Amino acid sequence: MELNRRVVYLLDSFYLIYGGIFIVLLFLSAFFSGTEIAFFSISKIDLSNLKEERTGSARKIVKLLSDQRKLLITILT
């Protein structure tokens, strides 16, 4: 009986740990998918407006979008 309880406890722990890891990975996947969609849905008008802005974040976005292939590789890896 004691061995059965240990096995059940270990299996419960196993499912809790891997279930938690799965949920974290699912949220990370959603975050990076959302990031990809956000970058690639910027219109040309919005991009030209960003080029005119002088903020650091606008410059970074324009730089990232200048090479979209490299941006996609960066997001996916």
Protein backbone atom coordinates (compact mmCIF):
# COMPACT_ATOMS: atom_id res chain seq x y z
CA MET A 1 0.00 0.00 0.00
CA GLU A 2 2.77 2.41 0.91
CA LEU A 3 4.44 1.87 -2.47
CA ASN A 4 1.18 2.63 -4.28
CA ARG A 5 0.82 5.92 -2.41
CA ARG A 6 4.36 6.91 -3.33
CA VAL A 7 3.77 6.10 -6.97
CA VAL A 8 0.53 8.07 -7.02
CA TYR A 9 2.24 11.02 -5.28
CA LEU A 10 5.11 10.96 -7.79
CA LEU A 11 2.71 10.81 -10.71
CA ASP A 12 0.68 13.70 -9.31
CA SER A 13 3.86 15.74 -8.88
CA PHE A 14 4.96 14.82 -12.39
CA TYR A 15 1.68 15.98 -13.90
CA LEU A 16 1.68 19.21 -11.90
CA ILE A 17 5.24 20.12 -12.89
CA TYR A 18 4.83 19.30 -16.57
CA GLY A 19 1.39 20.87 -16.66
CA GLY A 20 2.86 24.09 -15.27
CA ILE A 21 5.71 23.99 -17.77
CA PHE A 22 3.21 23.43 -20.58
CA ILE A 23 1.14 26.45 -19.52
CA VAL A 24 4.23 28.69 -19.32
CA LEU A 25 5.36 27.56 -22.78
CA LEU A 26 1.87 28.12 -24.14
CA PHE A 27 1.90 31.72 -22.88
CA LEU A 28 5.38 32.29 -24.32
CA SER A 29 4.22 30.97 -27.68
CA ALA A 30 1.24 33.32 -27.62
CA PHE A 31 3.49 36.25 -26.68
CA PHE A 32 5.93 35.65 -29.53
CA SER A 33 3.12 35.04 -32.03
CA GLY A 34 1.54 38.32 -30.98
CA THR A 35 4.89 40.07 -31.35
CA GLU A 36 5.28 38.71 -34.87
CA ILE A 37 1.78 39.79 -35.85
CA ALA A 38 2.30 43.25 -34.36
CA PHE A 39 5.51 43.88 -36.27
CA PHE A 40 4.32 42.56 -39.61
CA SER A 41 0.95 44.31 -39.49
CA ILE A 42 2.48 47.80 -39.33
CA SER A 43 1.30 49.66 -42.42
CA LYS A 44 3.58 51.70 -44.66
CA ILE A 45 1.97 54.90 -43.40
CA ASP A 46 2.63 53.94 -39.79
CA LEU A 47 6.19 53.01 -40.71
CA SER A 48 6.78 56.38 -42.34
CA ASN A 49 5.35 58.09 -39.23
CA LEU A 50 7.75 56.07 -37.10
CA LYS A 51 10.66 57.17 -39.30
CA GLU A 52 9.77 60.80 -38.59
CA GLU A 53 9.69 60.29 -34.82
CA ARG A 54 12.89 60.84 -32.89
CA THR A 55 12.25 58.45 -30.01
CA GLY A 56 14.54 55.54 -29.32
CA SER A 57 11.81 52.94 -29.57
CA ALA A 58 10.65 54.26 -32.96
CA ARG A 59 14.21 54.04 -34.29
CA LYS A 60 14.53 50.47 -33.01
CA ILE A 61 11.27 49.44 -34.66
CA VAL A 62 12.28 50.98 -37.98
CA LYS A 63 15.67 49.28 -37.77
CA LEU A 64 14.07 45.92 -37.03
CA LEU A 65 11.61 46.28 -39.91
CA SER A 66 14.33 47.27 -42.38
CA ASP A 67 15.26 43.59 -42.70
CA GLN A 68 12.04 41.62 -42.21
CA ARG A 69 13.65 38.24 -42.87
CA LYS A 70 16.16 38.83 -40.09
CA LEU A 71 13.38 40.06 -37.80
CA LEU A 72 11.34 36.92 -38.37
CA ILE A 73 14.35 34.71 -37.68
CA THR A 74 15.05 36.67 -34.50
CA ILE A 75 11.48 36.31 -33.24
CA LEU A 76 11.30 32.60 -34.00
CA THR A 77 14.62 31.65 -32.39
